[in-house]
Amino acid sequence: MAIKVRFFASLREQTGISRKQIAADGLETVSDLWLAVTEAPLDETTLVAVNKTYVGPDYQITDGDEVAFFPPITGG
């Protein structure tokens, strides 16, 4: 199973990854994917989109998905 992963803004800076395609065999959820790529638990404030639709951390990923991670959005 191949998944496209994208990191934006400060998450891109923290991980050093802008975009990456990974073999996600054995990974089931967005949280599993995050842990496999970053080796840290997914922060509950991180926004996640799968195929351009916002989802929760337990969303089931499938072959060919594009998963994007965004830092929390603030304004002011």
N, C-alpha and C. Protein backbone atom coordinates (compact mmCIF):
# COMPACT_ATOMS: atom_id res chain seq x y z
N MET A 1 0.85 -1.17 0.00
CA MET A 1 0.00 0.00 0.00
C MET A 1 0.90 1.23 0.00
N ALA A 2 0.65 2.17 -0.88
CA ALA A 2 1.43 3.41 -0.96
C ALA A 2 0.55 4.59 -0.60
N ILE A 3 1.08 5.44 0.27
CA ILE A 3 0.37 6.63 0.74
C ILE A 3 1.25 7.84 0.48
N LYS A 4 0.66 8.93 -0.03
CA LYS A 4 1.37 10.20 -0.18
C LYS A 4 1.16 11.00 1.10
N VAL A 5 2.25 11.48 1.67
CA VAL A 5 2.19 12.24 2.92
C VAL A 5 2.74 13.64 2.67
N ARG A 6 2.03 14.65 3.19
CA ARG A 6 2.48 16.04 3.06
C ARG A 6 2.44 16.70 4.43
N PHE A 7 3.45 17.51 4.69
CA PHE A 7 3.51 18.30 5.93
C PHE A 7 3.56 19.77 5.55
N PHE A 8 2.84 20.59 6.29
CA PHE A 8 2.76 22.01 5.99
C PHE A 8 3.25 22.86 7.16
N ALA A 9 3.75 24.05 6.82
CA ALA A 9 4.15 25.10 7.77
C ALA A 9 5.15 24.55 8.80
N SER A 10 4.89 24.78 10.08
CA SER A 10 5.85 24.40 11.12
C SER A 10 6.06 22.89 11.19
N LEU A 11 5.07 22.11 10.79
CA LEU A 11 5.26 20.65 10.78
C LEU A 11 6.28 20.24 9.72
N ARG A 12 6.29 20.95 8.61
CA ARG A 12 7.29 20.69 7.57
C ARG A 12 8.68 21.01 8.11
N GLU A 13 8.78 22.11 8.86
CA GLU A 13 10.07 22.49 9.43
C GLU A 13 10.52 21.49 10.50
N GLN A 14 9.60 21.02 11.32
CA GLN A 14 9.94 20.08 12.39
C GLN A 14 10.38 18.73 11.85
N THR A 15 9.68 18.25 10.83
CA THR A 15 9.98 16.91 10.30
C THR A 15 11.07 16.94 9.23
N GLY A 16 11.25 18.09 8.60
CA GLY A 16 12.19 18.17 7.48
C GLY A 16 11.63 17.53 6.22
N ILE A 17 10.31 17.28 6.21
CA ILE A 17 9.66 16.62 5.08
C ILE A 17 8.56 17.53 4.54
N SER A 18 8.60 17.78 3.25
CA SER A 18 7.53 18.52 2.60
C SER A 18 6.49 17.53 2.07
N ARG A 19 6.98 16.58 1.30
CA ARG A 19 6.11 15.52 0.79
C ARG A 19 6.94 14.25 0.64
N LYS A 20 6.25 13.14 0.79
CA LYS A 20 6.94 11.85 0.75
C LYS A 20 5.92 10.77 0.42
N GLN A 21 6.31 9.80 -0.35
CA GLN A 21 5.46 8.64 -0.58
C GLN A 21 6.04 7.49 0.21
N ILE A 22 5.19 6.83 0.99
CA ILE A 22 5.71 5.74 1.81
C ILE A 22 4.91 4.47 1.57
N ALA A 23 5.58 3.37 1.78
CA ALA A 23 4.90 2.07 1.77
C ALA A 23 4.24 1.94 3.13
N ALA A 24 2.93 1.89 3.14
CA ALA A 24 2.19 1.92 4.40
C ALA A 24 1.58 0.57 4.75
N ASP A 25 2.19 -0.49 4.30
CA ASP A 25 1.69 -1.83 4.65
C ASP A 25 1.68 -1.99 6.16
N GLY A 26 0.58 -2.46 6.71
CA GLY A 26 0.46 -2.67 8.14
C GLY A 26 -0.05 -1.45 8.90
N LEU A 27 -0.18 -0.33 8.22
CA LEU A 27 -0.71 0.87 8.86
C LEU A 27 -2.20 0.96 8.56
N GLU A 28 -2.99 1.28 9.57
CA GLU A 28 -4.43 1.31 9.37
C GLU A 28 -5.03 2.71 9.45
N THR A 29 -4.53 3.53 10.37
CA THR A 29 -5.16 4.83 10.61
C THR A 29 -4.18 5.98 10.37
N VAL A 30 -4.74 7.18 10.35
CA VAL A 30 -3.93 8.39 10.24
C VAL A 30 -2.91 8.44 11.38
N SER A 31 -3.32 8.08 12.58
CA SER A 31 -2.40 8.07 13.73
C SER A 31 -1.24 7.10 13.52
N ASP A 32 -1.55 5.93 12.98
CA ASP A 32 -0.49 4.94 12.69
C ASP A 32 0.52 5.51 11.70
N LEU A 33 0.01 6.18 10.67
CA LEU A 33 0.86 6.77 9.65
C LEU A 33 1.76 7.84 10.25
N TRP A 34 1.17 8.74 11.05
CA TRP A 34 1.95 9.80 11.70
C TRP A 34 3.08 9.19 12.53
N LEU A 35 2.75 8.20 13.34
CA LEU A 35 3.74 7.56 14.20
C LEU A 35 4.86 6.91 13.39
N ALA A 36 4.51 6.29 12.28
CA ALA A 36 5.51 5.64 11.44
C ALA A 36 6.47 6.64 10.81
N VAL A 37 5.96 7.82 10.46
CA VAL A 37 6.79 8.83 9.79
C VAL A 37 7.57 9.67 10.79
N THR A 38 6.94 10.04 11.92
CA THR A 38 7.58 10.98 12.85
C THR A 38 8.17 10.33 14.09
N GLU A 39 7.74 9.10 14.40
CA GLU A 39 8.16 8.38 15.60
C GLU A 39 7.74 9.09 16.88
N ALA A 40 6.64 9.85 16.81
CA ALA A 40 6.08 10.56 17.98
C ALA A 40 4.56 10.45 17.90
N PRO A 41 3.87 10.50 19.03
CA PRO A 41 2.41 10.44 19.00
C PRO A 41 1.83 11.67 18.29
N LEU A 42 0.68 11.49 17.66
CA LEU A 42 -0.01 12.58 16.97
C LEU A 42 -0.64 13.50 18.00
N ASP A 43 -0.30 14.78 17.95
CA ASP A 43 -0.87 15.79 18.85
C ASP A 43 -2.32 16.02 18.45
N GLU A 44 -3.20 16.09 19.43
CA GLU A 44 -4.63 16.24 19.14
C GLU A 44 -4.97 17.56 18.46
N THR A 45 -4.06 18.54 18.49
CA THR A 45 -4.34 19.82 17.83
C THR A 45 -3.91 19.84 16.37
N THR A 46 -3.21 18.82 15.93
CA THR A 46 -2.78 18.74 14.54
C THR A 46 -3.98 18.47 13.65
N LEU A 47 -4.12 19.25 12.59
CA LEU A 47 -5.20 19.04 11.63
C LEU A 47 -4.74 18.05 10.57
N VAL A 48 -5.65 17.18 10.16
CA VAL A 48 -5.33 16.15 9.18
C VAL A 48 -6.39 16.14 8.09
N ALA A 49 -5.93 16.06 6.85
CA ALA A 49 -6.85 15.92 5.72
C ALA A 49 -6.43 14.69 4.91
N VAL A 50 -7.41 13.91 4.52
CA VAL A 50 -7.17 12.78 3.63
C VAL A 50 -7.94 13.07 2.35
N ASN A 51 -7.19 13.12 1.26
CA ASN A 51 -7.78 13.44 -0.04
C ASN A 51 -8.60 14.74 0.02
N LYS A 52 -8.01 15.74 0.71
CA LYS A 52 -8.54 17.10 0.81
C LYS A 52 -9.81 17.22 1.66
N THR A 53 -10.08 16.24 2.50
CA THR A 53 -11.21 16.29 3.43
C THR A 53 -10.67 16.10 4.84
N TYR A 54 -11.02 17.03 5.74
CA TYR A 54 -10.56 16.91 7.12
C TYR A 54 -11.12 15.66 7.78
N VAL A 55 -10.25 14.97 8.52
CA VAL A 55 -10.62 13.72 9.18
C VAL A 55 -10.03 13.70 10.59
N GLY A 56 -10.46 12.73 11.38
CA GLY A 56 -9.93 12.52 12.71
C GLY A 56 -8.77 11.55 12.69
N PRO A 57 -8.10 11.40 13.83
CA PRO A 57 -6.91 10.55 13.91
C PRO A 57 -7.19 9.06 13.71
N ASP A 58 -8.43 8.63 13.89
CA ASP A 58 -8.76 7.22 13.73
C ASP A 58 -9.26 6.88 12.32
N TYR A 59 -9.19 7.84 11.41
CA TYR A 59 -9.64 7.62 10.04
C TYR A 59 -8.82 6.51 9.40
N GLN A 60 -9.49 5.59 8.74
CA GLN A 60 -8.83 4.45 8.09
C GLN A 60 -8.23 4.88 6.75
N ILE A 61 -6.93 4.70 6.58
CA ILE A 61 -6.27 5.05 5.33
C ILE A 61 -6.31 3.87 4.38
N THR A 62 -6.31 4.18 3.08
CA THR A 62 -6.32 3.14 2.05
C THR A 62 -5.27 3.44 1.00
N ASP A 63 -4.96 2.46 0.21
CA ASP A 63 -3.96 2.58 -0.84
C ASP A 63 -4.27 3.77 -1.75
N GLY A 64 -3.24 4.59 -2.00
CA GLY A 64 -3.38 5.72 -2.89
C GLY A 64 -3.83 7.02 -2.24
N ASP A 65 -4.16 6.97 -0.95
CA ASP A 65 -4.59 8.20 -0.26
C ASP A 65 -3.47 9.22 -0.22
N GLU A 66 -3.87 10.50 -0.17
CA GLU A 66 -2.94 11.58 0.12
C GLU A 66 -3.33 12.14 1.49
N VAL A 67 -2.39 12.09 2.42
CA VAL A 67 -2.64 12.53 3.79
C VAL A 67 -1.80 13.78 4.04
N ALA A 68 -2.47 14.84 4.46
CA ALA A 68 -1.80 16.10 4.74
C ALA A 68 -1.95 16.47 6.21
N PHE A 69 -0.85 16.90 6.80
CA PHE A 69 -0.82 17.30 8.21
C PHE A 69 -0.56 18.80 8.30
N PHE A 70 -1.37 19.49 9.09
CA PHE A 70 -1.29 20.94 9.26
C PHE A 70 -1.17 21.27 10.75
N PRO A 71 -0.37 22.28 11.10
CA PRO A 71 -0.36 22.71 12.49
C PRO A 71 -1.68 23.39 12.82
N PRO A 72 -1.99 23.55 14.11
CA PRO A 72 -3.24 24.25 14.47
C PRO A 72 -3.26 25.65 13.86
N ILE A 73 -4.43 26.07 13.45
CA ILE A 73 -4.57 27.39 12.84
C ILE A 73 -4.99 28.37 13.92
N THR A 74 -4.26 29.48 13.97
CA THR A 74 -4.60 30.53 14.94
C THR A 74 -4.81 31.83 14.20
N GLY A 75 -5.48 32.72 14.82
CA GLY A 75 -5.71 34.02 14.20
C GLY A 75 -5.56 35.11 15.23
N GLY A 76 -5.68 36.29 14.76
CA GLY A 76 -5.59 37.37 15.73
C GLY A 76 -5.05 38.63 15.13
